[in-house]
Amino acid sequence: MAFDLPKLLESVFEPEEGETVVVACDRPRTPAEDNPQWADRRVWAEEWREAFAALGQRRGFRTLPLLTYPATGANGAPLPQEGELGGKTVELEAVLVESTLAVFLTEYSATAPLDAITRKKRDFRAASLPGVERRMTESALAADFREVARRCQILAQALAEAESLEVHFSTGHTCLFDLRFRRPEVDDGYLPRGKEGDRVINLPSGETFIVPYEGERPGIPSRTAGEIPWVEAGETVVFHIAENQVVQVQGQGPVAARFREVFATDPARCNVAEVAFGCNPMARVTGNVLEDEKAGFHWAYGRSDHLGGTVGVPAFRFPQTVVHQDLVYAPGNPVSVRLAVVHKATESVKVMENGRYLVF
């Protein structure tokens, strides 16, 4: 069946009469920074805006001109103060606060700053699509989101009241993630006006996530510890984790050197910020994190406040060094999950084995 953008917008957002919708995209700061996928994404953003405008004529809501702004340069970084709307310079936050629904088709993830707007305005929700590509209309964006939601809820139940998550990787390394004092959240592709809970989703959607305990309670250190492998460009890197922090990057090549520089630049980046299970059955692993993470297990480092954690912009040295970066271990990646077990006070639940889910 051919992809139907208006149908997707209606089924995901259910926009109502009287709402104000804004579609946004970031633009390269220099020509050298641009790439073909990003250029097409900016064109696609206008097509999404036009689809919202046509839908608004039928349903009685307003769609603003396309909002553009200079790229932040990092996932999760604060948005710039100013952008352009209909050829005029505007204050970005003012436009967002004026709106009830924002949809961002961007190169760099705006999920965290959009989540901050939901804390300032109750009647605001947003979808973040960092790195989205048209080809996803034949993969993750084409999923049956009723099935996605069902899977998300099963995973949320498995993680509910968990004390820890034990992950064994195909390389033989193991890491224990401390889940005390936390609760799971779902990103199931459904974001109507007035939705309870998290009011920011990714598109394509399909994951259940949780922030490990970060040791913020006096006298109660985090138990997150172990070794997490990563293979990139044929090089194996091992992150050594203690008390929910990356404390060492093991490896001799340029990839390991790059990660050491990433963490040395700002210690707040060492925070283990998320563990999650992607469960979109149509997601394909291609190297695009937005879709890859919806296909299986992943974790992230850096900023966590937008997901229910405690590490936000003030924890970082500079706004430019703020980041939330996912690393994905779905089948098709060089490293996968051999076994994932959730430990609770009264039971243990095997979630994955040999890269496959056991709970659905």
Protein backbone atom coordinates (compact mmCIF):
# COMPACT_ATOMS: atom_id res chain seq x y z
CA MET A 1 0.00 0.00 0.00
CA ALA A 2 1.36 3.44 -0.96
CA PHE A 3 2.43 5.75 1.85
CA ASP A 4 -0.32 8.22 2.76
CA LEU A 5 1.11 11.28 4.53
CA PRO A 6 -2.24 12.93 5.40
CA LYS A 7 -3.46 9.64 6.88
CA LEU A 8 -0.29 9.37 8.98
CA LEU A 9 -0.73 12.94 10.29
CA GLU A 10 -4.35 12.30 11.19
CA SER A 11 -3.73 8.95 12.88
CA VAL A 12 -0.66 10.06 14.85
CA PHE A 13 -1.67 13.58 15.92
CA GLU A 14 -5.46 13.80 15.55
CA PRO A 15 -5.21 17.60 15.18
CA GLU A 16 -8.27 19.46 16.42
CA GLU A 17 -10.14 22.60 15.55
CA GLY A 18 -8.45 25.71 16.93
CA GLU A 19 -4.95 24.26 17.10
CA THR A 20 -1.79 25.91 15.74
CA VAL A 21 0.71 23.64 13.97
CA VAL A 22 4.31 24.48 13.08
CA VAL A 23 6.67 22.34 10.97
CA ALA A 24 10.38 23.08 11.31
CA CYS A 25 13.73 22.08 9.85
CA ASP A 26 17.33 23.04 10.56
CA ARG A 27 19.63 24.38 7.88
CA PRO A 28 23.39 23.92 7.47
CA ARG A 29 25.59 26.63 8.90
CA THR A 30 28.02 26.25 5.96
CA PRO A 31 27.62 24.70 2.48
CA ALA A 32 30.29 22.12 3.34
CA GLU A 33 28.12 20.81 6.18
CA ASP A 34 25.21 19.91 3.89
CA ASN A 35 24.47 16.47 2.44
CA PRO A 36 21.88 15.13 -0.07
CA GLN A 37 19.67 13.53 2.61
CA TRP A 38 19.59 16.74 4.62
CA ALA A 39 18.79 18.83 1.54
CA ASP A 40 15.90 16.53 0.66
CA ARG A 41 14.68 16.59 4.26
CA ARG A 42 14.27 20.37 4.04
CA VAL A 43 12.17 19.91 0.90
CA TRP A 44 10.16 17.18 2.62
CA ALA A 45 9.55 19.45 5.61
CA GLU A 46 7.70 21.89 3.36
CA GLU A 47 5.68 18.99 1.94
CA TRP A 48 4.68 17.99 5.47
CA ARG A 49 3.73 21.60 6.19
CA GLU A 50 1.56 21.70 3.06
CA ALA A 51 -0.12 18.42 4.06
CA PHE A 52 -0.90 19.88 7.49
CA ALA A 53 -2.26 23.05 5.86
CA ALA A 54 -4.61 21.04 3.62
CA LEU A 55 -5.71 18.94 6.56
CA GLY A 56 -6.27 22.10 8.60
CA GLN A 57 -8.70 23.45 6.04
CA ARG A 58 -10.89 20.42 6.65
CA ARG A 59 -10.44 20.16 10.40
CA GLY A 60 -10.29 23.83 11.34
CA PHE A 61 -6.74 24.32 12.62
CA ARG A 62 -4.03 26.78 11.58
CA THR A 63 -0.66 25.86 10.06
CA LEU A 64 2.19 28.38 10.26
CA PRO A 65 4.76 28.95 7.49
CA LEU A 66 7.80 26.68 7.58
CA LEU A 67 10.08 27.45 10.54
CA THR A 68 13.81 27.17 9.83
CA TYR A 69 16.85 27.73 12.03
CA PRO A 70 20.64 27.26 11.91
CA ALA A 71 21.65 23.74 12.89
CA THR A 72 22.80 23.16 16.47
CA GLY A 73 25.57 20.77 15.43
CA ALA A 74 24.76 18.13 18.09
CA ASN A 75 21.88 15.87 19.08
CA GLY A 76 20.09 17.23 22.16
CA ALA A 77 21.81 20.62 22.09
CA PRO A 78 19.77 23.75 22.93
CA LEU A 79 18.00 25.40 20.01
CA PRO A 80 19.27 28.81 18.83
CA GLN A 81 17.36 31.84 20.02
CA GLU A 82 16.28 32.92 16.53
CA GLY A 83 15.00 31.36 13.34
CA GLU A 84 13.01 32.35 10.25
CA LEU A 85 9.26 32.04 9.75
CA GLY A 86 7.79 33.12 6.43
CA GLY A 87 10.97 35.04 5.60
CA LYS A 88 10.96 36.97 8.88
CA THR A 89 13.33 36.60 11.83
CA VAL A 90 11.49 35.28 14.87
CA GLU A 91 12.24 34.11 18.39
CA LEU A 92 12.15 30.32 18.21
CA GLU A 93 10.73 29.68 21.66
CA ALA A 94 7.99 32.27 21.16
CA VAL A 95 6.81 30.49 18.00
CA LEU A 96 6.79 27.14 19.77
CA VAL A 97 4.90 28.47 22.79
CA GLU A 98 2.34 29.98 20.40
CA SER A 99 1.82 26.54 18.85
CA THR A 100 0.04 23.44 20.14
CA LEU A 101 1.83 20.98 17.84
CA ALA A 102 5.39 21.11 16.46
CA VAL A 103 6.92 18.67 13.98
CA PHE A 104 10.71 18.90 13.47
CA LEU A 105 12.34 17.24 10.45
CA THR A 106 15.98 17.89 11.25
CA GLU A 107 19.57 16.76 10.85
CA TYR A 108 20.28 17.10 14.59
CA SER A 109 17.84 15.88 17.21
CA ALA A 110 15.64 18.56 18.82
CA THR A 111 13.90 16.07 21.14
CA ALA A 112 15.39 17.43 24.37
CA PRO A 113 14.68 21.15 23.78
CA LEU A 114 11.18 20.30 22.57
CA ASP A 115 10.60 18.37 25.77
CA ALA A 116 11.61 21.51 27.68
CA ILE A 117 8.78 23.41 25.96
CA THR A 118 6.25 20.83 27.20
CA ARG A 119 7.29 21.79 30.73
CA LYS A 120 6.48 25.45 30.02
CA LYS A 121 3.17 24.90 28.21
CA ARG A 122 0.67 22.16 28.98
CA ASP A 123 -1.10 22.37 25.62
CA PHE A 124 1.96 21.58 23.52
CA ARG A 125 3.22 18.37 21.97
CA ALA A 126 5.90 17.64 19.43
CA ALA A 127 7.34 15.04 17.10
CA SER A 128 11.07 14.92 16.47
CA LEU A 129 12.37 13.30 13.26
CA PRO A 130 16.18 13.70 13.31
CA GLY A 131 17.71 12.13 10.23
CA VAL A 132 14.39 11.02 8.75
CA GLU A 133 14.60 9.86 5.11
CA ARG A 134 11.92 9.35 2.46
CA ARG A 135 12.84 5.69 2.10
CA MET A 136 11.40 5.14 5.61
CA THR A 137 7.93 5.46 4.09
CA GLU A 138 8.53 1.89 2.93
CA SER A 139 9.93 0.68 6.25
CA ALA A 140 9.48 2.09 9.78
CA LEU A 141 6.99 4.82 8.84
CA ALA A 142 4.83 2.17 7.16
CA ALA A 143 4.39 0.11 10.34
CA ASP A 144 1.05 -0.77 11.87
CA PHE A 145 1.31 1.54 14.87
CA ARG A 146 -1.39 -0.37 16.72
CA GLU A 147 1.01 -3.32 16.75
CA VAL A 148 3.88 -0.99 17.67
CA ALA A 149 1.87 0.31 20.63
CA ARG A 150 1.05 -3.23 21.75
CA ARG A 151 4.72 -4.19 21.76
CA CYS A 152 5.70 -1.00 23.57
CA GLN A 153 3.25 -1.75 26.36
CA ILE A 154 4.49 -5.34 26.75
CA LEU A 155 8.03 -4.05 27.14
CA ALA A 156 6.88 -1.36 29.59
CA GLN A 157 5.22 -4.04 31.71
CA ALA A 158 8.42 -6.10 31.64
CA LEU A 159 10.44 -3.08 32.85
CA ALA A 160 7.90 -1.88 35.42
CA GLU A 161 9.25 -1.92 38.99
CA ALA A 162 12.56 -3.29 37.75
CA GLU A 163 15.67 -3.14 39.91
CA SER A 164 18.14 -3.75 37.10
CA LEU A 165 18.67 -4.78 33.50
CA GLU A 166 21.46 -7.24 32.75
CA VAL A 167 22.69 -7.18 29.16
CA HIS A 168 25.06 -9.76 27.65
CA PHE A 169 26.54 -8.79 24.29
CA SER A 170 27.56 -11.06 21.42
CA THR A 171 31.21 -10.16 22.13
CA GLY A 172 31.03 -11.72 25.60
CA HIS A 173 30.92 -8.41 27.48
CA THR A 174 28.24 -7.74 30.12
CA CYS A 175 26.77 -4.59 31.68
CA LEU A 176 24.27 -4.20 34.52
CA PHE A 177 22.04 -1.13 34.32
CA ASP A 178 20.60 0.11 37.64
CA LEU A 179 16.85 0.81 37.16
CA ARG A 180 15.90 1.59 40.75
CA PHE A 181 13.81 4.74 41.31
CA ARG A 182 12.89 4.89 37.61
CA ARG A 183 9.90 4.02 35.46
CA PRO A 184 9.76 3.12 31.77
CA GLU A 185 8.23 5.36 29.09
CA VAL A 186 6.91 4.43 25.66
CA ASP A 187 7.23 6.09 22.27
CA ASP A 188 4.43 4.33 20.41
CA GLY A 189 3.63 6.70 17.55
CA TYR A 190 0.45 8.17 19.03
CA LEU A 191 0.36 11.83 20.07
CA PRO A 192 -3.15 13.33 20.28
CA ARG A 193 -3.87 16.64 21.97
CA GLY A 194 -4.07 16.23 25.75
CA LYS A 195 -2.06 12.98 25.83
CA GLU A 196 -0.95 12.06 29.33
CA GLY A 197 2.70 11.41 30.09
CA ASP A 198 5.50 12.22 27.66
CA ARG A 199 4.31 14.66 24.99
CA VAL A 200 7.31 14.35 22.67
CA ILE A 201 7.72 11.39 20.32
CA ASN A 202 10.12 10.33 17.61
CA LEU A 203 8.90 9.45 14.15
CA PRO A 204 9.31 6.71 13.09
CA SER A 205 8.23 5.53 16.54
CA GLY A 206 8.48 2.25 18.35
CA GLU A 207 10.51 1.95 21.55
CA THR A 208 10.22 1.59 25.29
CA PHE A 209 12.95 3.41 27.18
CA ILE A 210 14.13 4.06 30.71
CA VAL A 211 16.88 6.20 32.24
CA PRO A 212 19.22 4.27 34.58
CA TYR A 213 19.49 5.57 38.12
CA GLU A 214 22.17 8.27 38.02
CA GLY A 215 23.16 8.32 41.69
CA GLU A 216 21.46 11.60 42.51
CA ARG A 217 20.18 10.42 45.92
CA PRO A 218 22.62 11.21 48.76
CA GLY A 219 24.42 8.12 49.99
CA ILE A 220 22.94 5.85 47.29
CA PRO A 221 25.42 5.37 44.43
CA SER A 222 24.31 3.97 41.09
CA ARG A 223 24.95 0.27 40.52
CA THR A 224 25.25 0.63 36.74
CA ALA A 225 28.55 -1.06 35.91
CA GLY A 226 30.23 -3.34 33.41
CA GLU A 227 31.67 -3.30 29.91
CA ILE A 228 29.85 -2.20 26.77
CA PRO A 229 31.39 -3.06 23.39
CA TRP A 230 31.09 -1.04 20.21
CA VAL A 231 32.35 -1.91 16.72
CA GLU A 232 32.80 0.82 14.14
CA ALA A 233 34.84 0.81 10.91
CA GLY A 234 36.11 -2.64 11.87
CA GLU A 235 37.51 -1.39 15.18
CA THR A 236 36.33 -2.74 18.55
CA VAL A 237 35.97 -0.24 21.38
CA VAL A 238 34.97 -1.16 24.95
CA PHE A 239 33.36 1.38 27.28
CA HIS A 240 34.10 0.62 30.94
CA ILE A 241 31.19 1.72 33.13
CA ALA A 242 31.15 2.37 36.89
CA GLU A 243 28.43 4.12 38.92
CA ASN A 244 26.60 4.99 35.69
CA GLN A 245 29.61 6.77 34.18
CA VAL A 246 31.87 5.96 31.27
CA VAL A 247 35.19 5.82 33.14
CA GLN A 248 37.44 4.40 30.43
CA VAL A 249 37.42 3.89 26.68
CA GLN A 250 39.48 0.84 25.73
CA GLY A 251 40.86 0.61 22.21
CA GLN A 252 43.93 1.50 20.16
CA GLY A 253 42.50 2.92 16.95
CA PRO A 254 41.04 6.23 15.75
CA VAL A 255 37.47 5.37 16.81
CA ALA A 256 38.57 4.84 20.42
CA ALA A 257 40.60 8.06 20.26
CA ARG A 258 37.54 9.95 19.01
CA PHE A 259 35.38 8.65 21.86
CA ARG A 260 38.06 9.52 24.42
CA GLU A 261 38.03 13.06 23.05
CA VAL A 262 34.21 13.15 23.17
CA PHE A 263 34.16 12.32 26.88
CA ALA A 264 37.21 14.43 27.78
CA THR A 265 35.62 17.50 26.19
CA ASP A 266 32.79 17.47 28.72
CA PRO A 267 32.51 15.01 31.66
CA ALA A 268 28.69 15.30 31.60
CA ARG A 269 28.81 13.28 28.38
CA CYS A 270 30.04 10.31 30.43
CA ASN A 271 26.58 9.86 31.94
CA VAL A 272 24.72 6.70 30.88
CA ALA A 273 21.53 8.47 29.87
CA GLU A 274 19.16 5.79 28.52
CA VAL A 275 18.60 2.11 27.87
CA ALA A 276 15.86 1.16 25.45
CA PHE A 277 14.24 -1.55 23.37
CA GLY A 278 13.12 -0.68 19.85
CA CYS A 279 10.11 -2.68 18.71
CA ASN A 280 8.96 -1.38 15.33
CA PRO A 281 8.62 -4.55 13.20
CA MET A 282 9.19 -2.60 9.98
CA ALA A 283 12.40 -0.87 11.11
CA ARG A 284 15.46 -1.70 9.05
CA VAL A 285 19.09 -1.40 10.16
CA THR A 286 20.92 0.81 7.66
CA GLY A 287 23.19 2.95 9.81
CA ASN A 288 20.56 5.66 10.37
CA VAL A 289 20.18 5.88 14.17
CA LEU A 290 16.60 7.19 14.03
CA GLU A 291 15.44 3.95 12.42
CA ASP A 292 18.12 1.56 13.73
CA GLU A 293 17.16 2.25 17.35
CA LYS A 294 13.55 1.22 16.62
CA ALA A 295 14.79 -2.25 15.62
CA GLY A 296 16.36 -3.42 18.87
CA PHE A 297 18.38 -2.64 21.99
CA HIS A 298 20.27 0.62 22.40
CA TRP A 299 21.79 2.83 25.09
CA ALA A 300 22.81 6.46 25.12
CA TYR A 301 25.26 8.76 26.84
CA GLY A 302 24.96 12.41 27.86
CA ARG A 303 21.78 14.36 28.48
CA SER A 304 18.88 12.55 30.17
CA ASP A 305 16.49 15.12 31.66
CA HIS A 306 14.16 14.99 28.64
CA LEU A 307 13.66 11.25 29.23
CA GLY A 308 13.08 11.36 32.97
CA GLY A 309 16.66 11.61 34.22
CA THR A 310 18.55 14.33 36.06
CA VAL A 311 21.34 15.42 33.69
CA GLY A 312 20.36 18.52 31.73
CA VAL A 313 21.97 21.52 30.06
CA PRO A 314 23.32 23.03 33.33
CA ALA A 315 25.41 19.89 33.92
CA PHE A 316 27.46 20.52 30.77
CA ARG A 317 30.41 22.87 30.43
CA PHE A 318 28.95 24.76 27.48
CA PRO A 319 25.70 24.71 25.48
CA GLN A 320 27.79 23.60 22.50
CA THR A 321 28.95 20.44 24.30
CA VAL A 322 25.45 19.24 25.25
CA VAL A 323 24.68 15.90 23.61
CA HIS A 324 22.45 12.84 23.81
CA GLN A 325 23.88 10.11 21.60
CA ASP A 326 22.42 6.64 21.02
CA LEU A 327 24.47 3.53 20.23
CA VAL A 328 22.44 0.72 18.65
CA TYR A 329 22.80 -3.07 18.92
CA ALA A 330 19.88 -4.27 16.80
CA PRO A 331 20.31 -7.37 14.61
CA GLY A 332 22.30 -6.27 11.59
CA ASN A 333 24.71 -4.17 13.65
CA PRO A 334 28.24 -5.56 14.23
CA VAL A 335 27.41 -6.26 17.89
CA SER A 336 24.04 -7.56 19.08
CA VAL A 337 22.43 -8.54 22.36
CA ARG A 338 22.93 -12.20 23.29
CA LEU A 339 20.75 -11.97 26.39
CA ALA A 340 18.79 -9.22 28.19
CA VAL A 341 17.25 -9.98 31.59
CA VAL A 342 15.16 -7.64 33.75
CA HIS A 343 15.57 -8.31 37.45
CA LYS A 344 12.71 -7.47 39.83
CA ALA A 345 12.27 -8.06 43.55
CA THR A 346 10.22 -11.21 43.00
CA GLU A 347 11.12 -12.37 39.49
CA SER A 348 13.43 -12.08 36.50
CA VAL A 349 12.13 -11.61 32.97
CA LYS A 350 14.11 -12.59 29.87
CA VAL A 351 13.38 -9.89 27.29
CA MET A 352 15.77 -10.85 24.50
CA GLU A 353 17.93 -13.82 23.54
CA ASN A 354 20.23 -14.01 20.51
CA GLY A 355 18.90 -10.66 19.31
CA ARG A 356 15.25 -11.78 19.30
CA TYR A 357 12.45 -10.77 21.62
CA LEU A 358 11.01 -13.40 23.92
CA VAL A 359 8.09 -11.32 25.26
CA PHE A 360 6.10 -11.11 21.99
